[in-house]
């Protein structure tokens, strides 16, 4: 007897490992094309199919960008189209770079206060591809702290990263001490009236 075939479109999922060589890193995620596949079978068999996986593959010691084809594993009794996909891995050599950055503090002038930080700058160390080493600028990163909470002795330093080629960011010191200086708006010249040290 003839059984009507149904079609279901599902995402393709890469299964395996990609490990870069020493002093190398992967740029972004593994790219799979096409990202979806059509699965054909009975409506009952298709009901439990949510994705199609590639054959398991291990790539170790990757140093350069490469493209290869991977077969797709068809669930039992089903047909998958296409039967293979293209896989692209982008790798590059990296180096480490350190940069001194000032810490941006919240502006408390509207409340008659000034937030002082100790120290007022940090050393930020990060990885960057060798091709991008000389193209990194201080504008790519911003170190900042948020308003202190009651009872907090130190403020954690956070970093905003605007450059996708910068990874593995480390900050030293990770926390800084702070002092809030209150100004008396009624006194001449706005002299400091009180200091809260932490």
Protein backbone atom coordinates (compact mmCIF):
# COMPACT_ATOMS: atom_id res chain seq x y z
CA UNK A 1 0.00 0.00 0.00
CA UNK A 2 1.09 3.56 -0.66
CA UNK A 3 1.90 5.69 2.36
CA UNK A 4 1.70 9.42 1.80
CA UNK A 5 4.99 11.19 2.41
CA UNK A 6 5.03 14.42 4.38
CA UNK A 7 7.72 17.09 4.51
CA UNK A 8 9.07 18.87 7.57
CA UNK A 9 11.74 21.58 7.64
CA UNK A 10 14.05 21.42 10.67
CA UNK A 11 17.33 23.10 11.70
CA UNK A 12 20.67 21.42 11.06
CA UNK A 13 22.82 20.98 14.16
CA UNK A 14 26.58 20.45 14.07
CA UNK A 15 27.82 17.66 16.32
CA UNK A 16 31.52 17.43 17.03
CA UNK A 17 34.43 19.45 18.36
CA UNK A 18 36.62 22.12 16.85
CA UNK A 19 39.79 22.86 18.83
CA UNK A 20 42.23 25.56 17.72
CA UNK A 21 45.97 25.07 17.85
CA UNK A 22 48.06 26.79 20.50
CA UNK A 23 48.09 30.59 20.14
CA UNK A 24 45.11 30.38 17.78
CA UNK A 25 41.42 31.08 18.30
CA UNK A 26 38.14 30.54 16.49
CA UNK A 27 36.39 33.60 15.10
CA UNK A 28 32.70 33.29 15.83
CA UNK A 29 30.59 30.15 15.67
CA UNK A 30 30.94 27.25 13.27
CA UNK A 31 28.93 28.17 10.16
CA UNK A 32 26.65 25.52 8.67
CA UNK A 33 25.02 26.02 5.24
CA UNK A 34 22.25 25.41 4.60
CA UNK A 35 21.05 25.87 8.16
CA UNK A 36 17.86 23.88 7.59
CA UNK A 37 17.02 20.59 5.91
CA UNK A 38 13.83 18.93 4.67
CA UNK A 39 12.88 15.60 6.21
CA UNK A 40 10.45 13.30 4.41
CA UNK A 41 8.40 10.51 5.96
CA UNK A 42 5.06 9.65 7.44
CA UNK A 43 3.31 12.24 9.54
CA UNK A 44 3.68 9.99 12.57
CA UNK A 45 7.42 9.51 12.07
CA UNK A 46 8.00 13.21 11.51
CA UNK A 47 6.17 14.22 14.69
CA UNK A 48 9.17 13.58 16.91
CA UNK A 49 11.82 15.07 14.62
CA UNK A 50 12.96 18.54 15.79
CA UNK A 51 16.40 18.70 14.18
CA UNK A 52 18.86 16.89 11.95
CA UNK A 53 22.42 16.33 13.13
CA UNK A 54 25.65 16.11 11.20
CA UNK A 55 27.92 13.10 11.52
CA UNK A 56 30.20 13.52 14.54
CA UNK A 57 33.54 15.05 13.56
CA UNK A 58 36.62 16.14 15.51
CA UNK A 59 38.91 18.88 14.25
CA UNK A 60 41.99 19.47 16.42
CA UNK A 61 44.92 21.81 16.03
CA UNK A 62 43.03 24.15 13.70
CA UNK A 63 45.25 27.02 12.50
CA UNK A 64 43.58 28.29 9.35
CA UNK A 65 40.13 28.91 7.96
CA UNK A 66 38.69 25.89 6.16
CA UNK A 67 35.51 24.68 4.50
CA UNK A 68 34.41 21.05 4.36
CA UNK A 69 31.27 19.00 3.79
CA UNK A 70 29.59 16.94 6.46
CA UNK A 71 27.01 14.20 5.89
CA UNK A 72 23.66 14.51 7.64
CA UNK A 73 22.35 11.61 9.70
CA UNK A 74 18.84 10.70 8.57
CA UNK A 75 16.53 9.47 11.33
CA UNK A 76 15.52 5.84 10.85
CA UNK A 77 12.96 5.39 8.12
CA UNK A 78 13.19 9.01 6.96
CA UNK A 79 14.85 10.78 4.06
CA UNK A 80 16.81 14.01 4.44
CA UNK A 81 17.42 16.59 1.70
CA UNK A 82 20.14 17.68 1.25
CA UNK A 83 22.14 14.71 2.50
CA UNK A 84 25.15 16.87 3.39
CA UNK A 85 25.95 20.45 4.39
CA UNK A 86 28.86 22.84 4.11
CA UNK A 87 30.79 23.70 7.26
CA UNK A 88 33.03 26.75 7.56
CA UNK A 89 35.45 27.37 10.41
CA UNK A 90 37.35 30.65 10.68
CA UNK A 91 40.53 30.57 12.77
CA UNK A 92 43.29 33.06 13.34
CA UNK A 93 46.47 33.46 15.34
CA UNK A 94 46.06 35.68 18.37
CA UNK A 95 48.27 37.67 20.68
CA UNK A 96 47.66 39.38 24.01
CA UNK A 97 47.66 43.11 24.51
CA UNK A 98 47.36 45.27 27.61
CA UNK A 99 45.86 48.74 27.79
CA UNK A 100 45.47 51.34 30.52
CA UNK A 101 41.93 52.69 30.70
CA UNK A 102 40.39 55.41 32.87
CA UNK A 103 37.35 54.28 34.84
CA UNK A 104 34.13 56.09 33.96
CA UNK A 105 32.21 56.96 37.13
CA UNK A 106 28.55 57.97 37.44
CA UNK A 107 27.92 61.72 37.40
CA UNK A 108 26.44 62.70 40.77
CA UNK A 109 26.64 66.47 40.26
CA UNK A 110 22.86 66.76 40.15
CA UNK A 111 22.83 65.47 43.73
CA UNK A 112 25.65 67.75 44.84
CA UNK A 113 28.11 64.89 45.04
CA UNK A 114 31.32 63.69 43.39
CA UNK A 115 32.38 60.03 43.19
CA UNK A 116 36.14 59.52 43.46
CA UNK A 117 37.76 56.18 42.60
CA UNK A 118 41.01 54.70 43.89
CA UNK A 119 42.69 53.86 41.61
CA UNK A 120 41.03 55.87 38.85
CA UNK A 121 42.29 53.63 36.04
CA UNK A 122 42.75 49.91 35.41
CA UNK A 123 44.86 47.64 33.24
CA UNK A 124 42.79 45.69 30.73
CA UNK A 125 44.39 42.62 29.12
CA UNK A 126 42.75 40.88 26.18
CA UNK A 127 43.25 38.63 23.19
CA UNK A 128 43.13 39.97 19.66
CA UNK A 129 43.91 38.44 16.28
CA UNK A 130 47.36 39.39 15.03
CA UNK A 131 45.83 40.99 11.93
CA UNK A 132 43.87 43.34 14.19
CA UNK A 133 46.56 44.06 16.78
CA UNK A 134 47.46 47.52 15.46
CA UNK A 135 43.85 48.43 14.71
CA UNK A 136 42.67 48.29 18.33
CA UNK A 137 42.12 51.67 19.96
CA UNK A 138 41.10 52.85 23.42
CA UNK A 139 37.69 53.66 21.99
CA UNK A 140 37.01 49.94 21.56
CA UNK A 141 36.85 49.39 25.32
CA UNK A 142 35.33 51.32 28.19
CA UNK A 143 35.91 50.58 31.87
CA UNK A 144 33.17 51.75 34.22
CA UNK A 145 31.59 51.29 37.63
CA UNK A 146 27.97 51.57 38.66
CA UNK A 147 26.50 53.54 41.54
CA UNK A 148 27.52 52.04 44.86
CA UNK A 149 24.93 50.21 46.95
CA UNK A 150 24.56 50.86 50.66
CA UNK A 151 27.17 48.97 52.63
CA UNK A 152 29.38 48.26 49.64
CA UNK A 153 33.07 48.77 50.39
CA UNK A 154 34.33 48.27 46.84
CA UNK A 155 32.99 48.74 43.34
CA UNK A 156 33.42 46.08 40.69
CA UNK A 157 34.94 47.30 37.44
CA UNK A 158 33.10 46.30 34.27
CA UNK A 159 34.19 46.64 30.66
CA UNK A 160 32.13 47.43 27.58
CA UNK A 161 33.62 45.80 24.47
CA UNK A 162 32.76 47.41 21.13
CA UNK A 163 35.20 45.35 19.05
CA UNK A 164 34.18 41.79 18.04
CA UNK A 165 37.85 40.88 17.50
CA UNK A 166 38.65 41.43 21.19
CA UNK A 167 38.06 38.43 23.47
CA UNK A 168 39.06 37.00 26.86
CA UNK A 169 39.09 40.35 28.64
CA UNK A 170 40.70 40.55 32.08
CA UNK A 171 40.71 43.60 34.37
CA UNK A 172 43.22 44.44 37.09
CA UNK A 173 42.26 45.43 39.69
CA UNK A 174 38.79 43.92 39.45
CA UNK A 175 37.51 46.16 42.26
CA UNK A 176 38.32 49.69 43.34
CA UNK A 177 37.76 51.70 46.48
CA UNK A 178 35.66 54.83 46.32
CA UNK A 179 34.88 58.04 48.13
CA UNK A 180 31.72 60.15 47.82
CA UNK A 181 32.25 63.82 48.40
CA UNK A 182 29.16 65.86 49.36
CA UNK A 183 29.04 69.53 48.56
CA UNK A 184 27.05 72.11 50.55
CA UNK A 185 25.18 74.09 47.92
CA UNK A 186 24.46 76.83 50.46
CA UNK A 187 28.10 77.55 51.24
CA UNK A 188 30.18 79.98 49.23
CA UNK A 189 32.01 78.37 46.33
CA UNK A 190 30.36 75.01 46.97
CA UNK A 191 32.94 73.86 49.46
CA UNK A 192 32.96 70.23 50.53
CA UNK A 193 30.68 69.70 53.51
CA UNK A 194 31.10 65.98 54.09
CA UNK A 195 33.04 63.00 52.81
CA UNK A 196 31.93 59.35 52.78
CA UNK A 197 34.99 57.18 52.43
CA UNK A 198 34.94 53.46 51.58
